[in-house]
Every structure is written in C-alpha cells, then in structure tokens.
Amino acid sequence: MVRTAIQILNRNPRGYYLFVENNNVDKGHHSGRAFAASTEVTVLEEAVQTATAMTDADDTLLVVTADHSHSMLVAGYPKRGNPMFEKANDMSGVDGMPYTSLLYGAGPGYRGSRPNLTNTDTIDPDYMQEAAVPLTLEPHSGEDVVVYAHGPMAHLFRGNFEQTYVAHAMAYAMCVGSNKQHCDRPVGMCAPANGARTLVPSWCTMVFLCVLVLNNCRLL
C-alpha cells in the first residue's frame, strides 16, 4: 500500500503529504497479545523501509511516531538470546513458578491467581500475557513516546516536547498555515513551470508514519 501510494502521489510535481497508520499494533496490545502487537511493528518497519527506499532524503521528510504507549513491560533477567516471547530464565522467588519476559500492567490476561507456566507454550502467537489488573481491554499508558525524523526539517523534531507540537512542526515544514517566510523562494524543484514565485517549501514531500505504540523500536 505504501509503495502504490508513493507511486501515485509522485505524479504531482508540487509534492505530496502521505499519512500511514498501523492500527493493528494497538489492537494487538488491547487484546493482551504481545506477539500480535510486536509482529505488526515489524510490518510498520517494512513500510518505513519502503518509503525510505522510494524517496530522497534531500527532498522528503519522513516522520515516525506514536500517539500513546501501552502497559506492556519487560520483567526478569532473561539471558542473552532468550526468545522475547519465551519464559524468563529465572523463577519467581515467591511462588517458585516461571513467568514470561513480557507482561502487562492490566488487561484481559489477568487470571485471578498465578498460573504455573511450566508446560505452557508462551511462544504461541495466540498466547495472552499475564496482567496484574483485570480489564476487558488492556489500557494505554502515560510515558513519553519517541518521534523519529529523517530528511529536510528533521531538526524540528529534537528533544522533548508536547504532543501537539508535532502537528505544528509538520505544518511549518510543509508551509501550511502561518510562518511561511522560509517557503518563499525562486522557482525550482516541485514549483510550477510558469516561472512564478510561489509559496512552496525548498523540499516538497512528507511521509508521516504513525504506529500506536513505538516505545523501543529503532525504525529510522
């Protein structure tokens, strides 16, 4: 879908704005299934790789971010190379039973009491990680999420900032709304062929990829 969208939008000589969202990451976490959510993050990574390969960093800004995180956490001390969906290598010092490296703070995985996972296949894609608090759906959490930016105007996305800043930064980069002084330039790439000066950015394309949880993923 990303490849086809870029092929079509590339026909516009003035550039384009493309928004890509992977909502299935959110659905996977809400169902308490870390495998489903993590697998969808790799799908987003493929989308980012496709967009990166099909665009030029000299004239295309790519932004990857999330609107929130989830209550999934990493617990225990698994050894290097231990599968992330497998049980941790140590046992609980309280009840003597194993536990998985990935858990949820709340959600449908609450079981009332600790189950013995010794003979449970926690790598099964449908396995629902344990949760500390019973909820019908696993909830969002409140920590900061990352924003990755690559290409022209990427310097605008540095440091810590309020989430509403992202929209303003993208508007500034695309010469939408106010503060267009940086956009007025002689005709060139992505400008009309009639020779007129026009309010277009010195670069002309933005690809915005959004995933609903992106705390620990290195995509760009």
N, C-alpha and C. Protein backbone atom coordinates (compact mmCIF):
# COMPACT_ATOMS: atom_id res chain seq x y z
N MET A 1 0.82 -1.20 0.00
CA MET A 1 0.00 0.00 0.00
C MET A 1 0.86 1.26 0.00
N VAL A 2 1.93 1.26 0.78
CA VAL A 2 2.83 2.42 0.81
C VAL A 2 3.50 2.60 -0.55
N ARG A 3 3.94 1.51 -1.13
CA ARG A 3 4.61 1.59 -2.43
C ARG A 3 3.67 2.16 -3.50
N THR A 4 2.45 1.65 -3.54
CA THR A 4 1.50 2.12 -4.55
C THR A 4 1.12 3.57 -4.31
N ALA A 5 0.93 3.93 -3.05
CA ALA A 5 0.57 5.31 -2.73
C ALA A 5 1.65 6.28 -3.18
N ILE A 6 2.91 5.96 -2.92
CA ILE A 6 4.01 6.85 -3.31
C ILE A 6 4.12 6.91 -4.83
N GLN A 7 3.93 5.79 -5.51
CA GLN A 7 4.00 5.80 -6.98
C GLN A 7 2.95 6.72 -7.57
N ILE A 8 1.75 6.72 -6.98
CA ILE A 8 0.68 7.58 -7.48
C ILE A 8 0.94 9.04 -7.12
N LEU A 9 1.29 9.30 -5.87
CA LEU A 9 1.49 10.67 -5.42
C LEU A 9 2.70 11.34 -6.06
N ASN A 10 3.67 10.55 -6.49
CA ASN A 10 4.86 11.09 -7.13
C ASN A 10 4.54 11.81 -8.44
N ARG A 11 3.35 11.60 -8.96
CA ARG A 11 2.97 12.24 -10.22
C ARG A 11 2.70 13.73 -10.02
N ASN A 12 2.51 14.13 -8.78
CA ASN A 12 2.23 15.54 -8.50
C ASN A 12 3.54 16.32 -8.49
N PRO A 13 3.75 17.26 -9.41
CA PRO A 13 5.03 17.99 -9.46
C PRO A 13 5.25 18.89 -8.26
N ARG A 14 4.19 19.17 -7.49
CA ARG A 14 4.35 20.03 -6.33
C ARG A 14 4.58 19.24 -5.05
N GLY A 15 4.72 17.94 -5.15
CA GLY A 15 4.96 17.14 -3.96
C GLY A 15 3.67 16.62 -3.36
N TYR A 16 3.77 16.04 -2.19
CA TYR A 16 2.59 15.43 -1.58
C TYR A 16 2.81 15.22 -0.09
N TYR A 17 1.70 14.90 0.59
CA TYR A 17 1.72 14.51 2.01
C TYR A 17 1.05 13.15 2.11
N LEU A 18 1.72 12.19 2.72
CA LEU A 18 1.19 10.84 2.86
C LEU A 18 1.18 10.47 4.34
N PHE A 19 0.03 10.05 4.82
CA PHE A 19 -0.11 9.59 6.21
C PHE A 19 -0.34 8.08 6.19
N VAL A 20 0.47 7.36 6.94
CA VAL A 20 0.38 5.90 7.01
C VAL A 20 0.21 5.51 8.47
N GLU A 21 -0.79 4.70 8.75
CA GLU A 21 -1.03 4.28 10.14
C GLU A 21 -1.15 2.77 10.23
N ASN A 22 -0.53 2.18 11.25
CA ASN A 22 -0.71 0.76 11.54
C ASN A 22 -1.50 0.64 12.83
N ASN A 23 -2.78 0.47 12.70
CA ASN A 23 -3.65 0.41 13.87
C ASN A 23 -3.65 -0.97 14.52
N ASN A 24 -3.14 -1.98 13.81
CA ASN A 24 -3.17 -3.33 14.36
C ASN A 24 -2.22 -3.51 15.55
N VAL A 25 -1.23 -2.65 15.67
CA VAL A 25 -0.37 -2.69 16.85
C VAL A 25 -1.22 -2.43 18.09
N ASP A 26 -2.06 -1.42 17.99
CA ASP A 26 -2.96 -1.06 19.08
C ASP A 26 -3.91 -2.20 19.40
N LYS A 27 -4.48 -2.81 18.38
CA LYS A 27 -5.42 -3.92 18.59
C LYS A 27 -4.73 -5.10 19.28
N GLY A 28 -3.50 -5.38 18.88
CA GLY A 28 -2.77 -6.49 19.50
C GLY A 28 -2.56 -6.28 20.98
N HIS A 29 -2.16 -5.07 21.35
CA HIS A 29 -1.95 -4.79 22.77
C HIS A 29 -3.25 -4.80 23.56
N HIS A 30 -4.30 -4.22 23.01
CA HIS A 30 -5.58 -4.19 23.72
C HIS A 30 -6.10 -5.60 24.01
N SER A 31 -5.75 -6.54 23.14
CA SER A 31 -6.17 -7.92 23.37
C SER A 31 -5.21 -8.67 24.28
N GLY A 32 -4.15 -8.00 24.75
CA GLY A 32 -3.19 -8.62 25.65
C GLY A 32 -2.25 -9.60 24.98
N ARG A 33 -2.11 -9.51 23.67
CA ARG A 33 -1.26 -10.44 22.94
C ARG A 33 -0.03 -9.69 22.41
N ALA A 34 1.07 -9.89 23.11
CA ALA A 34 2.30 -9.19 22.75
C ALA A 34 2.82 -9.63 21.39
N PHE A 35 2.61 -10.89 21.04
CA PHE A 35 3.11 -11.39 19.75
C PHE A 35 2.45 -10.64 18.60
N ALA A 36 1.13 -10.49 18.67
CA ALA A 36 0.41 -9.80 17.60
C ALA A 36 0.87 -8.36 17.47
N ALA A 37 1.01 -7.68 18.60
CA ALA A 37 1.43 -6.28 18.58
C ALA A 37 2.85 -6.13 18.03
N SER A 38 3.76 -6.98 18.47
CA SER A 38 5.15 -6.88 18.04
C SER A 38 5.31 -7.23 16.57
N THR A 39 4.55 -8.20 16.11
CA THR A 39 4.60 -8.57 14.69
C THR A 39 4.16 -7.40 13.82
N GLU A 40 3.16 -6.66 14.27
CA GLU A 40 2.69 -5.52 13.50
C GLU A 40 3.71 -4.38 13.48
N VAL A 41 4.55 -4.29 14.50
CA VAL A 41 5.61 -3.29 14.48
C VAL A 41 6.59 -3.60 13.36
N THR A 42 6.86 -4.89 13.12
CA THR A 42 7.75 -5.25 12.01
C THR A 42 7.11 -4.90 10.66
N VAL A 43 5.78 -4.97 10.59
CA VAL A 43 5.09 -4.57 9.37
C VAL A 43 5.29 -3.07 9.14
N LEU A 44 5.19 -2.29 10.21
CA LEU A 44 5.44 -0.86 10.10
C LEU A 44 6.88 -0.60 9.66
N GLU A 45 7.81 -1.38 10.19
CA GLU A 45 9.20 -1.21 9.80
C GLU A 45 9.38 -1.42 8.30
N GLU A 46 8.69 -2.41 7.76
CA GLU A 46 8.76 -2.65 6.32
C GLU A 46 8.20 -1.45 5.55
N ALA A 47 7.15 -0.85 6.08
CA ALA A 47 6.57 0.34 5.44
C ALA A 47 7.58 1.49 5.45
N VAL A 48 8.27 1.66 6.56
CA VAL A 48 9.28 2.72 6.67
C VAL A 48 10.42 2.46 5.70
N GLN A 49 10.86 1.21 5.63
CA GLN A 49 11.94 0.86 4.71
C GLN A 49 11.54 1.12 3.26
N THR A 50 10.29 0.80 2.94
CA THR A 50 9.80 1.04 1.58
C THR A 50 9.79 2.53 1.27
N ALA A 51 9.26 3.32 2.20
CA ALA A 51 9.21 4.77 1.99
C ALA A 51 10.60 5.36 1.88
N THR A 52 11.51 4.87 2.69
CA THR A 52 12.89 5.38 2.65
C THR A 52 13.55 5.07 1.32
N ALA A 53 13.33 3.85 0.83
CA ALA A 53 13.95 3.42 -0.43
C ALA A 53 13.38 4.16 -1.64
N MET A 54 12.12 4.57 -1.55
CA MET A 54 11.46 5.19 -2.70
C MET A 54 11.54 6.70 -2.72
N THR A 55 12.11 7.29 -1.68
CA THR A 55 12.20 8.74 -1.60
C THR A 55 13.64 9.18 -1.41
N ASP A 56 13.87 10.46 -1.58
CA ASP A 56 15.21 11.03 -1.46
C ASP A 56 15.27 11.87 -0.19
N ALA A 57 16.26 11.62 0.64
CA ALA A 57 16.41 12.36 1.90
C ALA A 57 16.69 13.83 1.67
N ASP A 58 17.04 14.23 0.45
CA ASP A 58 17.28 15.63 0.16
C ASP A 58 15.99 16.42 -0.01
N ASP A 59 14.90 15.75 -0.36
CA ASP A 59 13.66 16.48 -0.60
C ASP A 59 12.43 15.86 0.07
N THR A 60 12.63 14.84 0.91
CA THR A 60 11.50 14.19 1.54
C THR A 60 11.73 14.02 3.04
N LEU A 61 10.81 14.50 3.82
CA LEU A 61 10.86 14.34 5.27
C LEU A 61 10.01 13.15 5.67
N LEU A 62 10.58 12.23 6.42
CA LEU A 62 9.84 11.11 6.98
C LEU A 62 9.77 11.28 8.49
N VAL A 63 8.59 11.15 9.04
CA VAL A 63 8.38 11.26 10.48
C VAL A 63 7.69 10.00 10.96
N VAL A 64 8.21 9.38 12.01
CA VAL A 64 7.61 8.17 12.58
C VAL A 64 7.38 8.42 14.06
N THR A 65 6.15 8.24 14.51
CA THR A 65 5.86 8.47 15.92
C THR A 65 4.64 7.66 16.35
N ALA A 66 4.19 7.90 17.55
CA ALA A 66 3.01 7.23 18.11
C ALA A 66 2.16 8.24 18.85
N ASP A 67 0.90 7.90 19.06
CA ASP A 67 0.06 8.82 19.83
C ASP A 67 -0.03 8.40 21.28
N HIS A 68 0.45 7.22 21.62
CA HIS A 68 0.47 6.78 23.02
C HIS A 68 1.24 5.47 23.11
N SER A 69 1.49 5.02 24.31
CA SER A 69 2.12 3.73 24.54
C SER A 69 1.11 2.81 25.22
N HIS A 70 1.57 1.61 25.59
CA HIS A 70 0.71 0.63 26.26
C HIS A 70 1.39 0.15 27.54
N SER A 71 0.66 -0.64 28.31
CA SER A 71 1.16 -1.05 29.63
C SER A 71 2.04 -2.30 29.57
N MET A 72 2.47 -2.72 28.39
CA MET A 72 3.38 -3.86 28.29
C MET A 72 4.73 -3.51 28.90
N LEU A 73 5.31 -4.45 29.61
CA LEU A 73 6.61 -4.22 30.24
C LEU A 73 7.48 -5.46 30.13
N VAL A 74 8.76 -5.25 30.31
CA VAL A 74 9.73 -6.34 30.31
C VAL A 74 10.15 -6.60 31.74
N ALA A 75 10.01 -7.85 32.17
CA ALA A 75 10.33 -8.20 33.56
C ALA A 75 11.34 -9.33 33.61
N GLY A 76 12.08 -9.41 34.69
CA GLY A 76 13.00 -10.53 34.88
C GLY A 76 14.36 -10.28 34.24
N TYR A 77 15.18 -11.33 34.25
CA TYR A 77 16.54 -11.23 33.74
C TYR A 77 16.82 -12.36 32.75
N PRO A 78 16.15 -12.35 31.60
CA PRO A 78 16.40 -13.41 30.63
C PRO A 78 17.83 -13.33 30.10
N LYS A 79 18.39 -14.45 29.80
CA LYS A 79 19.76 -14.49 29.29
C LYS A 79 19.80 -13.95 27.87
N ARG A 80 20.98 -13.55 27.44
CA ARG A 80 21.16 -13.05 26.09
C ARG A 80 20.74 -14.14 25.09
N GLY A 81 19.94 -13.76 24.13
CA GLY A 81 19.49 -14.72 23.12
C GLY A 81 18.20 -15.42 23.46
N ASN A 82 17.70 -15.22 24.68
CA ASN A 82 16.44 -15.86 25.06
C ASN A 82 15.29 -15.24 24.24
N PRO A 83 14.45 -16.05 23.59
CA PRO A 83 13.35 -15.50 22.80
C PRO A 83 12.48 -14.56 23.63
N MET A 84 12.11 -13.43 23.05
CA MET A 84 11.41 -12.41 23.83
C MET A 84 10.02 -12.87 24.28
N PHE A 85 9.42 -13.83 23.58
CA PHE A 85 8.10 -14.30 23.98
C PHE A 85 8.18 -15.53 24.87
N GLU A 86 9.38 -15.99 25.14
CA GLU A 86 9.58 -17.18 25.97
C GLU A 86 9.53 -16.79 27.44
N LYS A 87 9.53 -17.81 28.29
CA LYS A 87 9.60 -17.57 29.74
C LYS A 87 10.98 -17.04 30.10
N ALA A 88 11.03 -16.21 31.14
CA ALA A 88 12.32 -15.73 31.64
C ALA A 88 13.10 -16.92 32.18
N ASN A 89 14.41 -16.77 32.28
CA ASN A 89 15.25 -17.90 32.68
C ASN A 89 15.24 -18.18 34.18
N ASP A 90 14.70 -17.25 34.95
CA ASP A 90 14.67 -17.47 36.40
C ASP A 90 13.23 -17.68 36.87
N MET A 91 13.08 -18.23 38.05
CA MET A 91 11.77 -18.48 38.64
C MET A 91 11.44 -17.39 39.65
N SER A 92 10.17 -17.22 39.94
CA SER A 92 9.78 -16.28 40.98
C SER A 92 10.29 -16.78 42.32
N GLY A 93 10.92 -15.89 43.07
CA GLY A 93 11.41 -16.27 44.39
C GLY A 93 10.31 -16.34 45.42
N VAL A 94 9.07 -16.01 45.03
CA VAL A 94 7.93 -16.02 45.95
C VAL A 94 7.14 -17.31 45.83
N ASP A 95 6.71 -17.64 44.58
CA ASP A 95 5.90 -18.85 44.41
C ASP A 95 6.64 -19.97 43.68
N GLY A 96 7.89 -19.71 43.25
CA GLY A 96 8.69 -20.76 42.63
C GLY A 96 8.26 -21.14 41.23
N MET A 97 7.41 -20.35 40.60
CA MET A 97 6.93 -20.67 39.26
C MET A 97 7.53 -19.72 38.22
N PRO A 98 7.61 -20.18 36.98
CA PRO A 98 8.18 -19.33 35.93
C PRO A 98 7.22 -18.22 35.52
N TYR A 99 7.75 -17.24 34.83
CA TYR A 99 6.94 -16.14 34.30
C TYR A 99 7.56 -15.70 32.98
N THR A 100 6.78 -15.00 32.18
CA THR A 100 7.27 -14.59 30.87
C THR A 100 8.03 -13.26 30.96
N SER A 101 8.89 -13.04 29.99
CA SER A 101 9.66 -11.81 29.96
C SER A 101 8.77 -10.60 29.69
N LEU A 102 7.68 -10.82 28.94
CA LEU A 102 6.75 -9.75 28.63
C LEU A 102 5.48 -9.92 29.44
N LEU A 103 5.04 -8.85 30.07
CA LEU A 103 3.83 -8.86 30.89
C LEU A 103 3.07 -7.57 30.64
N TYR A 104 1.84 -7.51 31.14
CA TYR A 104 1.04 -6.29 31.03
C TYR A 104 0.64 -5.81 32.42
N GLY A 105 0.58 -4.50 32.58
CA GLY A 105 0.17 -3.94 33.85
C GLY A 105 -1.30 -4.20 34.14
N ALA A 106 -2.11 -4.25 33.08
CA ALA A 106 -3.54 -4.51 33.22
C ALA A 106 -4.05 -5.07 31.91
N GLY A 107 -5.21 -5.73 31.96
CA GLY A 107 -5.78 -6.24 30.73
C GLY A 107 -6.47 -7.57 30.87
N PRO A 108 -6.86 -8.19 29.75
CA PRO A 108 -7.60 -9.45 29.78
C PRO A 108 -6.77 -10.65 30.22
N GLY A 109 -5.45 -10.46 30.34
CA GLY A 109 -4.58 -11.56 30.75
C GLY A 109 -4.58 -11.83 32.25
N TYR A 110 -5.36 -11.05 33.00
CA TYR A 110 -5.45 -11.30 34.46
C TYR A 110 -6.16 -12.64 34.68
N ARG A 111 -5.58 -13.50 35.52
CA ARG A 111 -6.11 -14.84 35.71
C ARG A 111 -6.56 -15.12 37.14
N GLY A 112 -6.59 -14.11 37.97
CA GLY A 112 -7.05 -14.31 39.34
C GLY A 112 -5.96 -14.78 40.27
N SER A 113 -5.22 -15.78 39.85
CA SER A 113 -4.08 -16.29 40.61
C SER A 113 -3.00 -16.68 39.61
N ARG A 114 -1.79 -16.76 40.08
CA ARG A 114 -0.66 -17.06 39.20
C ARG A 114 -0.75 -18.48 38.65
N PRO A 115 -0.81 -18.64 37.31
CA PRO A 115 -0.81 -19.98 36.74
C PRO A 115 0.61 -20.52 36.66
N ASN A 116 0.75 -21.82 36.68
CA ASN A 116 2.05 -22.45 36.50
C ASN A 116 2.30 -22.59 35.01
N LEU A 117 3.25 -21.84 34.47
CA LEU A 117 3.50 -21.79 33.04
C LEU A 117 4.54 -22.81 32.58
N THR A 118 4.90 -23.71 33.45
CA THR A 118 5.97 -24.66 33.12
C THR A 118 5.70 -25.37 31.80
N ASN A 119 4.50 -25.83 31.58
CA ASN A 119 4.18 -26.58 30.36
C ASN A 119 3.35 -25.75 29.38
N THR A 120 3.36 -24.45 29.52
CA THR A 120 2.60 -23.57 28.64
C THR A 120 3.48 -23.05 27.52
N ASP A 121 2.97 -23.12 26.31
CA ASP A 121 3.71 -22.61 25.15
C ASP A 121 3.47 -21.11 25.03
N THR A 122 4.34 -20.34 25.64
CA THR A 122 4.16 -18.88 25.64
C THR A 122 4.58 -18.25 24.32
N ILE A 123 5.19 -19.03 23.43
CA ILE A 123 5.58 -18.50 22.12
C ILE A 123 4.42 -18.59 21.14
N ASP A 124 3.37 -19.31 21.50
CA ASP A 124 2.18 -19.40 20.66
C ASP A 124 1.67 -17.99 20.35
N PRO A 125 1.46 -17.64 19.07
CA PRO A 125 1.00 -16.29 18.72
C PRO A 125 -0.29 -15.87 19.42
N ASP A 126 -1.10 -16.83 19.83
CA ASP A 126 -2.36 -16.50 20.49
C ASP A 126 -2.24 -16.47 22.01
N TYR A 127 -1.03 -16.70 22.53
CA TYR A 127 -0.87 -16.68 23.98
C TYR A 127 -1.11 -15.26 24.50
N MET A 128 -1.88 -15.16 25.58
CA MET A 128 -2.20 -13.88 26.19
C MET A 128 -1.34 -13.70 27.44
N GLN A 129 -0.47 -12.70 27.42
CA GLN A 129 0.43 -12.46 28.55
C GLN A 129 -0.35 -12.14 29.82
N GLU A 130 0.24 -12.53 30.96
CA GLU A 130 -0.38 -12.25 32.25
C GLU A 130 -0.49 -10.73 32.47
N ALA A 131 -1.53 -10.33 33.20
CA ALA A 131 -1.74 -8.93 33.56
C ALA A 131 -2.00 -8.83 35.05
N ALA A 132 -1.56 -7.72 35.65
CA ALA A 132 -1.70 -7.56 37.10
C ALA A 132 -3.10 -7.15 37.52
N VAL A 133 -3.81 -6.43 36.65
CA VAL A 133 -5.14 -5.92 36.98
C VAL A 133 -6.13 -6.40 35.92
N PRO A 134 -7.30 -6.92 36.33
CA PRO A 134 -8.27 -7.42 35.35
C PRO A 134 -9.02 -6.29 34.65
N LEU A 135 -8.90 -6.24 33.32
CA LEU A 135 -9.66 -5.30 32.50
C LEU A 135 -10.08 -6.04 31.23
N THR A 136 -11.21 -5.63 30.67
CA THR A 136 -11.66 -6.25 29.43
C THR A 136 -10.66 -6.01 28.30
N LEU A 137 -10.13 -4.80 28.24
CA LEU A 137 -9.12 -4.45 27.25
C LEU A 137 -7.90 -3.88 27.96
N GLU A 138 -6.73 -4.23 27.48
CA GLU A 138 -5.50 -3.66 28.03
C GLU A 138 -5.49 -2.17 27.73
N PRO A 139 -5.09 -1.32 28.68
CA PRO A 139 -5.20 0.13 28.50
C PRO A 139 -3.93 0.77 27.95
N HIS A 140 -4.06 2.04 27.58
CA HIS A 140 -2.92 2.84 27.21
C HIS A 140 -2.13 3.22 28.47
N SER A 141 -0.92 3.67 28.28
CA SER A 141 -0.12 4.14 29.42
C SER A 141 0.33 5.57 29.15
N GLY A 142 1.05 6.15 30.08
CA GLY A 142 1.27 7.59 30.01
C GLY A 142 2.69 8.07 29.79
N GLU A 143 3.65 7.15 29.54
CA GLU A 143 5.02 7.64 29.37
C GLU A 143 5.23 8.28 28.01
N ASP A 144 6.33 8.98 27.85
CA ASP A 144 6.66 9.62 26.58
C ASP A 144 6.85 8.56 25.49
N VAL A 145 6.51 8.94 24.27
CA VAL A 145 6.79 8.08 23.12
C VAL A 145 7.82 8.79 22.25
N VAL A 146 8.46 8.03 21.39
CA VAL A 146 9.53 8.60 20.57
C VAL A 146 8.99 9.20 19.29
N VAL A 147 9.75 10.12 18.72
CA VAL A 147 9.47 10.68 17.41
C VAL A 147 10.77 10.62 16.61
N TYR A 148 10.74 9.86 15.52
CA TYR A 148 11.89 9.78 14.63
C TYR A 148 11.64 10.65 13.41
N ALA A 149 12.64 11.39 12.96
CA ALA A 149 12.51 12.21 11.77
C ALA A 149 13.76 12.08 10.92
N HIS A 150 13.56 12.09 9.60
CA HIS A 150 14.66 11.87 8.66
C HIS A 150 14.42 12.71 7.42
N GLY A 151 15.38 13.54 7.07
CA GLY A 151 15.24 14.36 5.88
C GLY A 151 15.17 15.84 6.21
N PRO A 152 14.76 16.68 5.25
CA PRO A 152 14.68 18.13 5.46
C PRO A 152 13.76 18.48 6.63
N MET A 153 14.15 19.43 7.41
CA MET A 153 13.40 19.90 8.58
C MET A 153 13.37 18.88 9.72
N ALA A 154 14.17 17.83 9.62
CA ALA A 154 14.19 16.84 10.70
C ALA A 154 14.68 17.45 12.00
N HIS A 155 15.43 18.55 11.90
CA HIS A 155 15.94 19.19 13.11
C HIS A 155 14.82 19.74 13.98
N LEU A 156 13.62 19.89 13.43
CA LEU A 156 12.50 20.38 14.22
C LEU A 156 12.02 19.36 15.24
N PHE A 157 12.37 18.11 15.03
CA PHE A 157 11.89 17.04 15.90
C PHE A 157 13.02 16.52 16.78
N ARG A 158 13.48 17.37 17.65
CA ARG A 158 14.58 17.02 18.56
C ARG A 158 14.21 17.43 19.98
N GLY A 159 14.58 16.60 20.95
CA GLY A 159 14.32 16.95 22.33
C GLY A 159 12.95 16.48 22.78
N ASN A 160 12.53 16.96 23.94
CA ASN A 160 11.22 16.61 24.49
C ASN A 160 10.23 17.75 24.24
N PHE A 161 9.02 17.40 23.82
CA PHE A 161 8.02 18.42 23.55
C PHE A 161 6.62 17.85 23.71
N GLU A 162 5.64 18.73 23.83
CA GLU A 162 4.25 18.32 23.94
C GLU A 162 3.80 17.69 22.62
N GLN A 163 2.84 16.77 22.71
CA GLN A 163 2.42 16.05 21.51
C GLN A 163 1.83 16.98 20.45
N THR A 164 1.18 18.06 20.87
CA THR A 164 0.58 18.97 19.89
C THR A 164 1.63 19.69 19.05
N TYR A 165 2.87 19.71 19.52
CA TYR A 165 3.94 20.36 18.77
C TYR A 165 4.18 19.66 17.44
N VAL A 166 3.98 18.35 17.39
CA VAL A 166 4.27 17.58 16.19
C VAL A 166 3.48 18.12 15.00
N ALA A 167 2.20 18.38 15.21
CA ALA A 167 1.36 18.90 14.12
C ALA A 167 1.84 20.26 13.66
N HIS A 168 2.22 21.13 14.60
CA HIS A 168 2.70 22.46 14.23
C HIS A 168 4.02 22.37 13.46
N ALA A 169 4.90 21.47 13.88
CA ALA A 169 6.18 21.32 13.19
C ALA A 169 5.97 20.81 11.76
N MET A 170 5.06 19.87 11.59
CA MET A 170 4.80 19.36 10.25
C MET A 170 4.17 20.44 9.37
N ALA A 171 3.27 21.23 9.94
CA ALA A 171 2.66 22.31 9.17
C ALA A 171 3.72 23.33 8.75
N TYR A 172 4.62 23.67 9.65
CA TYR A 172 5.70 24.60 9.32
C TYR A 172 6.56 24.04 8.21
N ALA A 173 6.91 22.76 8.32
CA ALA A 173 7.77 22.13 7.31
C ALA A 173 7.09 22.10 5.95
N MET A 174 5.77 21.94 5.92
CA MET A 174 5.03 21.85 4.66
C MET A 174 4.53 23.20 4.17
N CYS A 175 4.82 24.28 4.90
CA CYS A 175 4.36 25.61 4.53
C CYS A 175 2.84 25.70 4.53
N VAL A 176 2.24 25.13 5.56
CA VAL A 176 0.80 25.18 5.74
C VAL A 176 0.51 26.09 6.94
N GLY A 177 -0.45 27.02 6.79
CA GLY A 177 -0.78 27.90 7.90
C GLY A 177 0.13 29.11 7.95
N SER A 178 0.49 29.53 9.15
CA SER A 178 1.30 30.75 9.32
C SER A 178 2.79 30.42 9.23
N ASN A 179 3.62 31.46 9.39
CA ASN A 179 5.08 31.31 9.39
C ASN A 179 5.58 30.68 8.09
N LYS A 180 5.28 31.36 6.98
CA LYS A 180 5.69 30.84 5.68
C LYS A 180 6.90 31.58 5.09
N GLN A 181 7.55 32.40 5.93
CA GLN A 181 8.65 33.19 5.39
C GLN A 181 9.73 32.31 4.76
N HIS A 182 9.96 31.15 5.33
CA HIS A 182 11.01 30.28 4.83
C HIS A 182 10.60 29.57 3.54
N CYS A 183 9.35 29.73 3.13
CA CYS A 183 8.85 29.00 1.97
C CYS A 183 8.94 29.79 0.68
N ASP A 184 9.04 31.09 0.75
CA ASP A 184 9.02 31.93 -0.43
C ASP A 184 10.40 31.90 -1.07
N ARG A 185 10.49 31.27 -2.21
CA ARG A 185 11.79 31.08 -2.86
C ARG A 185 11.60 31.09 -4.37
N PRO A 186 12.69 31.25 -5.14
CA PRO A 186 12.58 31.19 -6.60
C PRO A 186 12.10 29.83 -7.05
N VAL A 187 11.59 29.78 -8.27
CA VAL A 187 11.09 28.53 -8.81
C VAL A 187 12.20 27.49 -8.82
N GLY A 188 11.84 26.28 -8.59
CA GLY A 188 12.81 25.19 -8.56
C GLY A 188 12.09 23.87 -8.45
N MET A 189 12.72 22.93 -7.81
CA MET A 189 12.11 21.62 -7.67
C MET A 189 10.73 21.73 -7.04
N CYS A 190 9.77 21.07 -7.61
CA CYS A 190 8.40 20.98 -7.12
C CYS A 190 7.61 22.27 -7.28
N ALA A 191 8.17 23.27 -7.96
CA ALA A 191 7.43 24.51 -8.17
C ALA A 191 6.77 24.50 -9.54
N PRO A 192 5.78 25.36 -9.78
CA PRO A 192 5.10 25.40 -11.06
C PRO A 192 6.05 25.74 -12.20
N ALA A 193 5.72 25.32 -13.40
CA ALA A 193 6.60 25.50 -14.54
C ALA A 193 6.44 26.87 -15.20
N ASN A 194 5.55 27.73 -14.67
CA ASN A 194 5.29 29.02 -15.31
C ASN A 194 6.29 30.10 -14.92
N GLY A 195 7.26 29.73 -14.07
CA GLY A 195 8.30 30.68 -13.69
C GLY A 195 7.93 31.59 -12.56
N ALA A 196 6.73 31.49 -12.03
CA ALA A 196 6.30 32.37 -10.94
C ALA A 196 6.90 31.96 -9.61
N ARG A 197 7.06 32.97 -8.74
CA ARG A 197 7.46 32.65 -7.38
C ARG A 197 6.23 32.13 -6.66
N THR A 198 6.44 31.19 -5.78
CA THR A 198 5.29 30.58 -5.14
C THR A 198 5.65 30.13 -3.73
N LEU A 199 4.66 30.02 -2.88
CA LEU A 199 4.89 29.57 -1.51
C LEU A 199 4.96 28.04 -1.48
N VAL A 200 6.11 27.52 -1.76
CA VAL A 200 6.34 26.07 -1.66
C VAL A 200 7.63 25.88 -0.90
N PRO A 201 7.76 24.80 -0.16
CA PRO A 201 8.99 24.57 0.58
C PRO A 201 10.14 24.25 -0.36
N SER A 202 11.36 24.43 0.11
CA SER A 202 12.52 24.11 -0.70
C SER A 202 12.67 22.61 -0.90
N TRP A 203 11.88 21.85 -0.18
CA TRP A 203 11.70 20.42 -0.44
C TRP A 203 10.20 20.24 -0.58
N CYS A 204 9.72 19.10 -0.98
CA CYS A 204 8.32 19.07 -1.38
C CYS A 204 7.53 17.86 -0.96
N THR A 205 8.06 17.00 -0.18
CA THR A 205 7.33 15.78 0.12
C THR A 205 7.44 15.44 1.60
N MET A 206 6.36 14.94 2.17
CA MET A 206 6.39 14.46 3.54
C MET A 206 5.68 13.12 3.63
N VAL A 207 6.31 12.18 4.27
CA VAL A 207 5.68 10.90 4.55
C VAL A 207 5.61 10.76 6.06
N PHE A 208 4.42 10.65 6.60
CA PHE A 208 4.22 10.56 8.05
C PHE A 208 3.71 9.17 8.37
N LEU A 209 4.48 8.41 9.14
CA LEU A 209 4.09 7.06 9.51
C LEU A 209 3.82 7.01 10.99
N CYS A 210 2.63 6.56 11.34
CA CYS A 210 2.21 6.55 12.72
C CYS A 210 1.90 5.14 13.17
N VAL A 211 2.45 4.79 14.31
CA VAL A 211 2.13 3.50 14.89
C VAL A 211 1.66 3.76 16.31
N LEU A 212 0.73 2.97 16.79
CA LEU A 212 0.08 3.29 18.06
C LEU A 212 0.87 2.87 19.28
N VAL A 213 1.98 2.20 19.09
CA VAL A 213 2.92 2.00 20.20
C VAL A 213 4.30 1.83 19.61
N LEU A 214 5.23 2.63 20.03
CA LEU A 214 6.54 2.64 19.41
C LEU A 214 7.61 3.01 20.42
N ASN A 215 7.56 2.40 21.58
CA ASN A 215 8.47 2.81 22.64
C ASN A 215 9.92 2.41 22.41
N ASN A 216 10.15 1.20 21.90
CA ASN A 216 11.51 0.68 21.87
C ASN A 216 11.91 0.17 20.50
N CYS A 217 11.38 0.79 19.44
CA CYS A 217 11.63 0.30 18.10
C CYS A 217 12.56 1.26 17.37
N ARG A 218 13.60 0.73 16.78
CA ARG A 218 14.54 1.54 16.01
C ARG A 218 14.17 1.36 14.54
N LEU A 219 13.47 2.35 13.98
CA LEU A 219 12.99 2.21 12.61
C LEU A 219 13.72 3.11 11.63
N LEU A 220 14.22 4.22 12.07
CA LEU A 220 14.93 5.12 11.17
C LEU A 220 16.31 5.41 11.74
